[in-house]
Every structure is written in structure tokens, then in C-alpha cells.
């Protein structure tokens, strides 16, 4: 009766060996976000003529892209805060903190790269929107 031996400790079933939750999950490989493909499709279309995208489609994609950029920035901030927390406890902690710190660093680097690529695409799409506006009658 009672808890199994591995859970029968001061930490109970929530002991230090079982880190769970959003910040402790390993990053999952993510396919290129759809927004990147939408932006590239709009950038490859001619700025004028019957094959040109409407300004409404471009503006909608820009809005969705900016929303994605804000989400990536929020993810970076969460990761930076968690890295600071883990680093401050590193001197007194054992091995799990080291691997978590490495994992968080990798996730932060990935978020930085995703954000940089998205910002570049959004800048190009903003230029395309200006071209479409100037070509409109």
C-alpha cells in the first residue's frame, strides 16, 4: 500500500527526476510553417497583371506573418527567462539542470533563426505590397 518505491520520497510522484511541462519538453521537429510558403508564393507572383495577387491577399498574409513573428518573440522571451532561472540554479544543481540548459539553448537558437527568416520574408512581402499598390489603377 502507498506509493511505489520510486515515488516514495519527499518529492512524491512529482520528484525532480520527472520534469514535465511546456518548458521541459524536447523541441519537436516542425515543418516549415505554412505562412512561409504563403509569403513565398506571393513573392513569386507577378506584381501586376491578371496573375498578380490582390492587395487584400498580401495584407492578410502580412498580418498573419506579423502574428507569427510576435509568437516567436514570445517564445524567445519565455526561453530566455527559463535559461536565466536554470543558469542561476546551476551551481547548486546536478546533471538534469545541465541537459535542460543545453536543450533550452538549442530551442532559443532555433527560435532566433526562425524569427530572422520570417522577418526577412515579411520585409520582402511588404515591398511587394507597395509594388502592388503602386501598380493598381
C-alpha atoms as a PDB file:
ATOM      1  CA  UNK A   1       0.000   0.000   0.000  1.00  0.00           C
ATOM      2  CA  UNK A   2       1.156   3.552  -0.586  1.00  0.00           C
ATOM      3  CA  UNK A   3       3.351   4.959  -3.313  1.00  0.00           C
ATOM      4  CA  UNK A   4       5.750   2.821  -5.357  1.00  0.00           C
ATOM      5  CA  UNK A   5       9.370   2.962  -4.180  1.00  0.00           C
ATOM      6  CA  UNK A   6      10.471   5.370  -6.936  1.00  0.00           C
ATOM      7  CA  UNK A   7       7.718   7.831  -5.905  1.00  0.00           C
ATOM      8  CA  UNK A   8       8.074   7.404  -2.140  1.00  0.00           C
ATOM      9  CA  UNK A   9      10.277  10.380  -1.411  1.00  0.00           C
ATOM     10  CA  UNK A  10       9.909  13.953  -0.172  1.00  0.00           C
ATOM     11  CA  UNK A  11       9.072  14.989  -3.733  1.00  0.00           C
ATOM     12  CA  UNK A  12       6.454  12.252  -4.086  1.00  0.00           C
ATOM     13  CA  UNK A  13       5.287  11.481  -7.598  1.00  0.00           C
ATOM     14  CA  UNK A  14       6.474  14.959  -8.641  1.00  0.00           C
ATOM     15  CA  UNK A  15      10.116  14.384  -7.748  1.00  0.00           C
ATOM     16  CA  UNK A  16      12.994  16.094  -9.518  1.00  0.00           C
ATOM     17  CA  UNK A  17      13.538  13.135 -11.845  1.00  0.00           C
ATOM     18  CA  UNK A  18      10.313  13.841 -13.683  1.00  0.00           C
ATOM     19  CA  UNK A  19      10.479  17.234 -15.293  1.00  0.00           C
ATOM     20  CA  UNK A  20       7.336  17.842 -17.299  1.00  0.00           C
ATOM     21  CA  UNK A  21       5.511  20.731 -18.813  1.00  0.00           C
ATOM     22  CA  UNK A  22       5.967  23.133 -21.644  1.00  0.00           C
ATOM     23  CA  UNK A  23       9.436  24.372 -20.736  1.00  0.00           C
ATOM     24  CA  UNK A  24      10.811  20.889 -20.154  1.00  0.00           C
ATOM     25  CA  UNK A  25       9.611  19.274 -23.373  1.00  0.00           C
ATOM     26  CA  UNK A  26      12.134  18.489 -26.043  1.00  0.00           C
ATOM     27  CA  UNK A  27      11.649  20.525 -29.181  1.00  0.00           C
ATOM     28  CA  UNK A  28       9.567  18.739 -31.756  1.00  0.00           C
ATOM     29  CA  UNK A  29      10.706  18.951 -35.360  1.00  0.00           C
ATOM     30  CA  UNK A  30       8.391  21.412 -37.046  1.00  0.00           C
ATOM     31  CA  UNK A  31       7.769  21.561 -40.760  1.00  0.00           C
ATOM     32  CA  UNK A  32       8.249  24.897 -42.445  1.00  0.00           C
ATOM     33  CA  UNK A  33       5.296  26.960 -41.263  1.00  0.00           C
ATOM     34  CA  UNK A  34       2.547  27.464 -43.797  1.00  0.00           C
ATOM     35  CA  UNK A  35       2.998  31.213 -43.529  1.00  0.00           C
ATOM     36  CA  UNK A  36       6.477  30.912 -45.069  1.00  0.00           C
ATOM     37  CA  UNK A  37       5.014  29.096 -48.082  1.00  0.00           C
ATOM     38  CA  UNK A  38       2.220  31.660 -48.435  1.00  0.00           C
ATOM     39  CA  UNK A  39       4.736  34.510 -48.407  1.00  0.00           C
ATOM     40  CA  UNK A  40       6.992  32.800 -50.945  1.00  0.00           C
ATOM     41  CA  UNK A  41       4.020  32.134 -53.248  1.00  0.00           C
ATOM     42  CA  UNK A  42       3.027  35.799 -53.113  1.00  0.00           C
ATOM     43  CA  UNK A  43       6.618  36.910 -53.707  1.00  0.00           C
ATOM     44  CA  UNK A  44       6.922  34.654 -56.761  1.00  0.00           C
ATOM     45  CA  UNK A  45       3.707  36.024 -58.303  1.00  0.00           C
ATOM     46  CA  UNK A  46       3.984  38.995 -60.657  1.00  0.00           C
ATOM     47  CA  UNK A  47       3.346  42.393 -59.023  1.00  0.00           C
ATOM     48  CA  UNK A  48       0.868  43.391 -61.736  1.00  0.00           C
ATOM     49  CA  UNK A  49      -1.463  41.855 -64.305  1.00  0.00           C
ATOM     50  CA  UNK A  50      -4.137  39.215 -64.022  1.00  0.00           C
ATOM     51  CA  UNK A  51      -1.834  36.705 -62.245  1.00  0.00           C
ATOM     52  CA  UNK A  52      -0.918  39.240 -59.561  1.00  0.00           C
ATOM     53  CA  UNK A  53      -2.242  38.622 -56.064  1.00  0.00           C
ATOM     54  CA  UNK A  54      -4.763  41.087 -54.679  1.00  0.00           C
ATOM     55  CA  UNK A  55      -3.589  43.645 -52.173  1.00  0.00           C
ATOM     56  CA  UNK A  56      -6.101  42.109 -49.749  1.00  0.00           C
ATOM     57  CA  UNK A  57      -4.377  38.704 -50.014  1.00  0.00           C
ATOM     58  CA  UNK A  58      -0.970  40.301 -49.472  1.00  0.00           C
ATOM     59  CA  UNK A  59      -2.182  42.341 -46.482  1.00  0.00           C
ATOM     60  CA  UNK A  60      -3.856  39.267 -44.950  1.00  0.00           C
ATOM     61  CA  UNK A  61      -0.629  37.277 -45.275  1.00  0.00           C
ATOM     62  CA  UNK A  62       1.406  40.157 -43.847  1.00  0.00           C
ATOM     63  CA  UNK A  63      -0.911  40.274 -40.819  1.00  0.00           C
ATOM     64  CA  UNK A  64      -0.620  36.509 -40.311  1.00  0.00           C
ATOM     65  CA  UNK A  65       3.157  36.756 -40.684  1.00  0.00           C
ATOM     66  CA  UNK A  66       3.427  39.532 -38.115  1.00  0.00           C
ATOM     67  CA  UNK A  67       1.305  37.459 -35.713  1.00  0.00           C
ATOM     68  CA  UNK A  68       3.675  34.522 -36.192  1.00  0.00           C
ATOM     69  CA  UNK A  69       6.672  36.806 -35.585  1.00  0.00           C
ATOM     70  CA  UNK A  70       5.110  38.008 -32.322  1.00  0.00           C
ATOM     71  CA  UNK A  71       4.532  34.395 -31.251  1.00  0.00           C
ATOM     72  CA  UNK A  72       8.183  33.574 -31.981  1.00  0.00           C
ATOM     73  CA  UNK A  73       9.327  36.597 -29.983  1.00  0.00           C
ATOM     74  CA  UNK A  74       7.162  35.497 -27.051  1.00  0.00           C
ATOM     75  CA  UNK A  75       8.710  32.012 -27.258  1.00  0.00           C
ATOM     76  CA  UNK A  76      12.191  33.571 -27.197  1.00  0.00           C
ATOM     77  CA  UNK A  77      11.318  35.621 -24.109  1.00  0.00           C
ATOM     78  CA  UNK A  78       9.985  32.537 -22.299  1.00  0.00           C
ATOM     79  CA  UNK A  79      13.123  30.597 -23.189  1.00  0.00           C
ATOM     80  CA  UNK A  80      15.436  33.429 -22.125  1.00  0.00           C
ATOM     81  CA  UNK A  81      13.667  33.690 -18.759  1.00  0.00           C
ATOM     82  CA  UNK A  82      13.915  29.939 -18.225  1.00  0.00           C
ATOM     83  CA  UNK A  83      17.592  29.900 -19.231  1.00  0.00           C
ATOM     84  CA  UNK A  84      18.264  32.626 -16.658  1.00  0.00           C
ATOM     85  CA  UNK A  85      16.426  30.610 -13.976  1.00  0.00           C
ATOM     86  CA  UNK A  86      18.308  27.408 -14.778  1.00  0.00           C
ATOM     87  CA  UNK A  87      21.661  29.177 -15.000  1.00  0.00           C
ATOM     88  CA  UNK A  88      21.148  30.786 -11.599  1.00  0.00           C
ATOM     89  CA  UNK A  89      20.498  27.361 -10.046  1.00  0.00           C
ATOM     90  CA  UNK A  90      23.272  25.618 -11.974  1.00  0.00           C
ATOM     91  CA  UNK A  91      25.911  25.987  -9.275  1.00  0.00           C
ATOM     92  CA  UNK A  92      23.820  24.100  -6.749  1.00  0.00           C
ATOM     93  CA  UNK A  93      22.181  21.579  -9.091  1.00  0.00           C
ATOM     94  CA  UNK A  94      23.103  18.195 -10.502  1.00  0.00           C
ATOM     95  CA  UNK A  95      23.113  16.808 -14.057  1.00  0.00           C
ATOM     96  CA  UNK A  96      19.439  17.371 -15.051  1.00  0.00           C
ATOM     97  CA  UNK A  97      19.977  21.133 -14.988  1.00  0.00           C
ATOM     98  CA  UNK A  98      22.906  20.875 -17.418  1.00  0.00           C
ATOM     99  CA  UNK A  99      20.913  18.938 -20.007  1.00  0.00           C
ATOM    100  CA  UNK A 100      17.912  21.241 -19.585  1.00  0.00           C
ATOM    101  CA  UNK A 101      20.122  24.272 -20.122  1.00  0.00           C
ATOM    102  CA  UNK A 102      21.547  22.758 -23.308  1.00  0.00           C
ATOM    103  CA  UNK A 103      18.032  21.932 -24.519  1.00  0.00           C
ATOM    104  CA  UNK A 104      16.811  25.464 -23.799  1.00  0.00           C
ATOM    105  CA  UNK A 105      19.816  26.931 -25.594  1.00  0.00           C
ATOM    106  CA  UNK A 106      19.078  24.816 -28.659  1.00  0.00           C
ATOM    107  CA  UNK A 107      15.428  25.883 -28.623  1.00  0.00           C
ATOM    108  CA  UNK A 108      16.416  29.548 -28.294  1.00  0.00           C
ATOM    109  CA  UNK A 109      18.802  29.253 -31.220  1.00  0.00           C
ATOM    110  CA  UNK A 110      16.085  27.638 -33.345  1.00  0.00           C
ATOM    111  CA  UNK A 111      13.596  30.371 -32.425  1.00  0.00           C
ATOM    112  CA  UNK A 112      16.178  33.043 -33.321  1.00  0.00           C
ATOM    113  CA  UNK A 113      16.731  31.503 -36.747  1.00  0.00           C
ATOM    114  CA  UNK A 114      13.002  31.095 -37.414  1.00  0.00           C
ATOM    115  CA  UNK A 115      12.364  34.695 -36.420  1.00  0.00           C
ATOM    116  CA  UNK A 116      15.185  36.045 -38.601  1.00  0.00           C
ATOM    117  CA  UNK A 117      13.955  34.104 -41.659  1.00  0.00           C
ATOM    118  CA  UNK A 118      10.371  35.237 -41.090  1.00  0.00           C
ATOM    119  CA  UNK A 119      11.383  38.887 -40.699  1.00  0.00           C
ATOM    120  CA  UNK A 120      13.320  38.710 -43.967  1.00  0.00           C
ATOM    121  CA  UNK A 121      10.316  37.230 -45.785  1.00  0.00           C
ATOM    122  CA  UNK A 122       7.977  39.820 -44.259  1.00  0.00           C
ATOM    123  CA  UNK A 123      10.235  42.682 -45.358  1.00  0.00           C
ATOM    124  CA  UNK A 124      10.212  41.351 -48.918  1.00  0.00           C
ATOM    125  CA  UNK A 125       6.434  40.939 -48.838  1.00  0.00           C
ATOM    126  CA  UNK A 126       5.987  44.493 -47.559  1.00  0.00           C
ATOM    127  CA  UNK A 127       7.968  45.724 -50.584  1.00  0.00           C
ATOM    128  CA  UNK A 128       5.757  43.583 -52.838  1.00  0.00           C
ATOM    129  CA  UNK A 129       2.636  45.104 -51.246  1.00  0.00           C
ATOM    130  CA  UNK A 130       3.965  48.566 -52.051  1.00  0.00           C
ATOM    131  CA  UNK A 131       4.603  47.483 -55.665  1.00  0.00           C
ATOM    132  CA  UNK A 132       1.056  46.134 -55.975  1.00  0.00           C
ATOM    133  CA  UNK A 133      -0.405  49.331 -54.545  1.00  0.00           C
ATOM    134  CA  UNK A 134       1.587  51.480 -56.978  1.00  0.00           C
ATOM    135  CA  UNK A 135       0.539  49.285 -59.936  1.00  0.00           C
ATOM    136  CA  UNK A 136      -3.168  49.496 -59.010  1.00  0.00           C
ATOM    137  CA  UNK A 137      -5.325  51.838 -61.136  1.00  0.00           C
END
